[in-house]
Amino acid sequence: MLYESRTCKQNYSKSLHTEKTFELVETEKKICFIVEKTASKLAIKDAINTLYEQKAIAVNTARTIYGKKAYVEFESIDIARNLATKIGML
């Protein structure tokens, strides 16, 4: 479990705080994270499940000038909103 925790923290960098990401939480039940360039979708999904104890439904990634973005979708808007509040996004 300790190895899994270290791997999760290495892949995860931080959440992205912009007006667009606030809107994603409220409309599409998604939260945007900046992750390592080498992180796979499965590793990102496992990291969210391990670090925040929330089940991620889907993960979409995009490479930008800020690094690799991961758009993580959750089961409901309430779960996404509660997690966003927990990590200090809202």
C-alpha atoms as a PDB file:
ATOM      1  CA  MET A   1       0.000   0.000   0.000  1.00  0.00           C
ATOM      2  CA  LEU A   2       2.885   2.352   0.741  1.00  0.00           C
ATOM      3  CA  TYR A   3       4.291   1.819  -2.755  1.00  0.00           C
ATOM      4  CA  GLU A   4       0.870   2.542  -4.268  1.00  0.00           C
ATOM      5  CA  SER A   5       0.595   5.727  -2.229  1.00  0.00           C
ATOM      6  CA  ARG A   6       4.002   6.988  -3.400  1.00  0.00           C
ATOM      7  CA  THR A   7       3.177   6.201  -7.027  1.00  0.00           C
ATOM      8  CA  CYS A   8      -0.138   8.024  -6.762  1.00  0.00           C
ATOM      9  CA  LYS A   9       1.496  11.112  -5.287  1.00  0.00           C
ATOM     10  CA  GLN A  10       4.167  11.082  -7.985  1.00  0.00           C
ATOM     11  CA  ASN A  11       1.575  11.001 -10.794  1.00  0.00           C
ATOM     12  CA  TYR A  12      -0.668  13.619  -9.218  1.00  0.00           C
ATOM     13  CA  SER A  13       0.529  17.204  -9.241  1.00  0.00           C
ATOM     14  CA  LYS A  14      -2.279  19.649  -8.417  1.00  0.00           C
ATOM     15  CA  SER A  15      -5.792  20.660  -9.338  1.00  0.00           C
ATOM     16  CA  LEU A  16      -6.326  23.419 -11.871  1.00  0.00           C
ATOM     17  CA  HIS A  17      -8.298  26.461 -10.695  1.00  0.00           C
ATOM     18  CA  THR A  18      -9.857  28.492 -13.511  1.00  0.00           C
ATOM     19  CA  GLU A  19     -13.341  29.720 -14.356  1.00  0.00           C
ATOM     20  CA  LYS A  20     -13.685  26.970 -16.936  1.00  0.00           C
ATOM     21  CA  THR A  21     -12.836  24.260 -14.402  1.00  0.00           C
ATOM     22  CA  PHE A  22     -15.356  25.681 -11.921  1.00  0.00           C
ATOM     23  CA  GLU A  23     -17.985  25.407 -14.641  1.00  0.00           C
ATOM     24  CA  LEU A  24     -16.935  21.809 -15.388  1.00  0.00           C
ATOM     25  CA  VAL A  25     -17.604  20.839 -11.771  1.00  0.00           C
ATOM     26  CA  GLU A  26     -21.123  22.262 -11.847  1.00  0.00           C
ATOM     27  CA  THR A  27     -22.222  21.203 -15.333  1.00  0.00           C
ATOM     28  CA  GLU A  28     -20.291  18.072 -16.315  1.00  0.00           C
ATOM     29  CA  LYS A  29     -19.287  16.677 -12.871  1.00  0.00           C
ATOM     30  CA  LYS A  30     -15.590  16.813 -13.819  1.00  0.00           C
ATOM     31  CA  ILE A  31     -12.486  18.087 -12.019  1.00  0.00           C
ATOM     32  CA  CYS A  32      -9.300  19.039 -13.861  1.00  0.00           C
ATOM     33  CA  PHE A  33      -5.878  18.044 -12.493  1.00  0.00           C
ATOM     34  CA  ILE A  34      -2.343  18.725 -13.718  1.00  0.00           C
ATOM     35  CA  VAL A  35      -0.492  15.388 -13.736  1.00  0.00           C
ATOM     36  CA  GLU A  36       2.899  14.040 -14.754  1.00  0.00           C
ATOM     37  CA  LYS A  37       3.467  13.694 -18.499  1.00  0.00           C
ATOM     38  CA  THR A  38       4.107   9.978 -18.114  1.00  0.00           C
ATOM     39  CA  ALA A  39       0.932   9.246 -16.130  1.00  0.00           C
ATOM     40  CA  SER A  40      -1.544   6.935 -17.845  1.00  0.00           C
ATOM     41  CA  LYS A  41      -5.316   7.199 -17.579  1.00  0.00           C
ATOM     42  CA  LEU A  42      -5.458   4.073 -15.414  1.00  0.00           C
ATOM     43  CA  ALA A  43      -2.756   5.433 -13.078  1.00  0.00           C
ATOM     44  CA  ILE A  44      -4.640   8.731 -12.742  1.00  0.00           C
ATOM     45  CA  LYS A  45      -7.888   6.910 -11.995  1.00  0.00           C
ATOM     46  CA  ASP A  46      -6.157   4.764  -9.346  1.00  0.00           C
ATOM     47  CA  ALA A  47      -4.530   7.846  -7.815  1.00  0.00           C
ATOM     48  CA  ILE A  48      -7.886   9.598  -7.417  1.00  0.00           C
ATOM     49  CA  ASN A  49      -9.405   6.453  -5.907  1.00  0.00           C
ATOM     50  CA  THR A  50      -6.502   6.064  -3.465  1.00  0.00           C
ATOM     51  CA  LEU A  51      -5.832   9.679  -2.465  1.00  0.00           C
ATOM     52  CA  TYR A  52      -9.402  10.973  -2.236  1.00  0.00           C
ATOM     53  CA  GLU A  53     -11.374   7.739  -1.789  1.00  0.00           C
ATOM     54  CA  GLN A  54     -13.735   8.704  -4.615  1.00  0.00           C
ATOM     55  CA  LYS A  55     -14.548   6.496  -7.584  1.00  0.00           C
ATOM     56  CA  ALA A  56     -13.662   8.089 -10.911  1.00  0.00           C
ATOM     57  CA  ILE A  57     -15.973   7.127 -13.781  1.00  0.00           C
ATOM     58  CA  ALA A  58     -13.793   8.296 -16.680  1.00  0.00           C
ATOM     59  CA  VAL A  59     -10.503  10.074 -17.311  1.00  0.00           C
ATOM     60  CA  ASN A  60      -9.696  12.194 -20.367  1.00  0.00           C
ATOM     61  CA  THR A  61      -6.234  13.680 -20.873  1.00  0.00           C
ATOM     62  CA  ALA A  62      -4.818  16.569 -22.874  1.00  0.00           C
ATOM     63  CA  ARG A  63      -1.291  17.889 -23.270  1.00  0.00           C
ATOM     64  CA  THR A  64      -0.912  21.642 -22.863  1.00  0.00           C
ATOM     65  CA  ILE A  65       1.812  24.188 -22.187  1.00  0.00           C
ATOM     66  CA  TYR A  66       1.067  23.804 -18.465  1.00  0.00           C
ATOM     67  CA  GLY A  67       1.712  20.067 -18.615  1.00  0.00           C
ATOM     68  CA  LYS A  68      -0.661  17.166 -18.959  1.00  0.00           C
ATOM     69  CA  LYS A  69      -4.243  17.860 -17.889  1.00  0.00           C
ATOM     70  CA  ALA A  70      -6.520  15.100 -16.667  1.00  0.00           C
ATOM     71  CA  TYR A  71     -10.265  15.667 -16.720  1.00  0.00           C
ATOM     72  CA  VAL A  72     -11.722  13.234 -14.183  1.00  0.00           C
ATOM     73  CA  GLU A  73     -15.462  12.529 -14.272  1.00  0.00           C
ATOM     74  CA  PHE A  74     -17.384  11.437 -11.168  1.00  0.00           C
ATOM     75  CA  GLU A  75     -20.743   9.726 -10.592  1.00  0.00           C
ATOM     76  CA  SER A  76     -22.677  12.833  -9.597  1.00  0.00           C
ATOM     77  CA  ILE A  77     -22.345  16.596  -9.351  1.00  0.00           C
ATOM     78  CA  ASP A  78     -22.539  16.370  -5.552  1.00  0.00           C
ATOM     79  CA  ILE A  79     -19.510  14.061  -5.380  1.00  0.00           C
ATOM     80  CA  ALA A  80     -17.518  16.335  -7.711  1.00  0.00           C
ATOM     81  CA  ARG A  81     -18.544  19.438  -5.752  1.00  0.00           C
ATOM     82  CA  ASN A  82     -17.659  17.866  -2.386  1.00  0.00           C
ATOM     83  CA  LEU A  83     -14.245  16.749  -3.659  1.00  0.00           C
ATOM     84  CA  ALA A  84     -13.578  20.179  -5.186  1.00  0.00           C
ATOM     85  CA  THR A  85     -14.403  21.744  -1.823  1.00  0.00           C
ATOM     86  CA  LYS A  86     -12.187  19.223  -0.021  1.00  0.00           C
ATOM     87  CA  ILE A  87      -9.149  20.039  -2.178  1.00  0.00           C
ATOM     88  CA  GLY A  88      -9.732  23.788  -1.888  1.00  0.00           C
ATOM     89  CA  MET A  89     -10.973  24.434  -5.380  1.00  0.00           C
ATOM     90  CA  LEU A  90     -14.377  25.920  -4.452  1.00  0.00           C
END
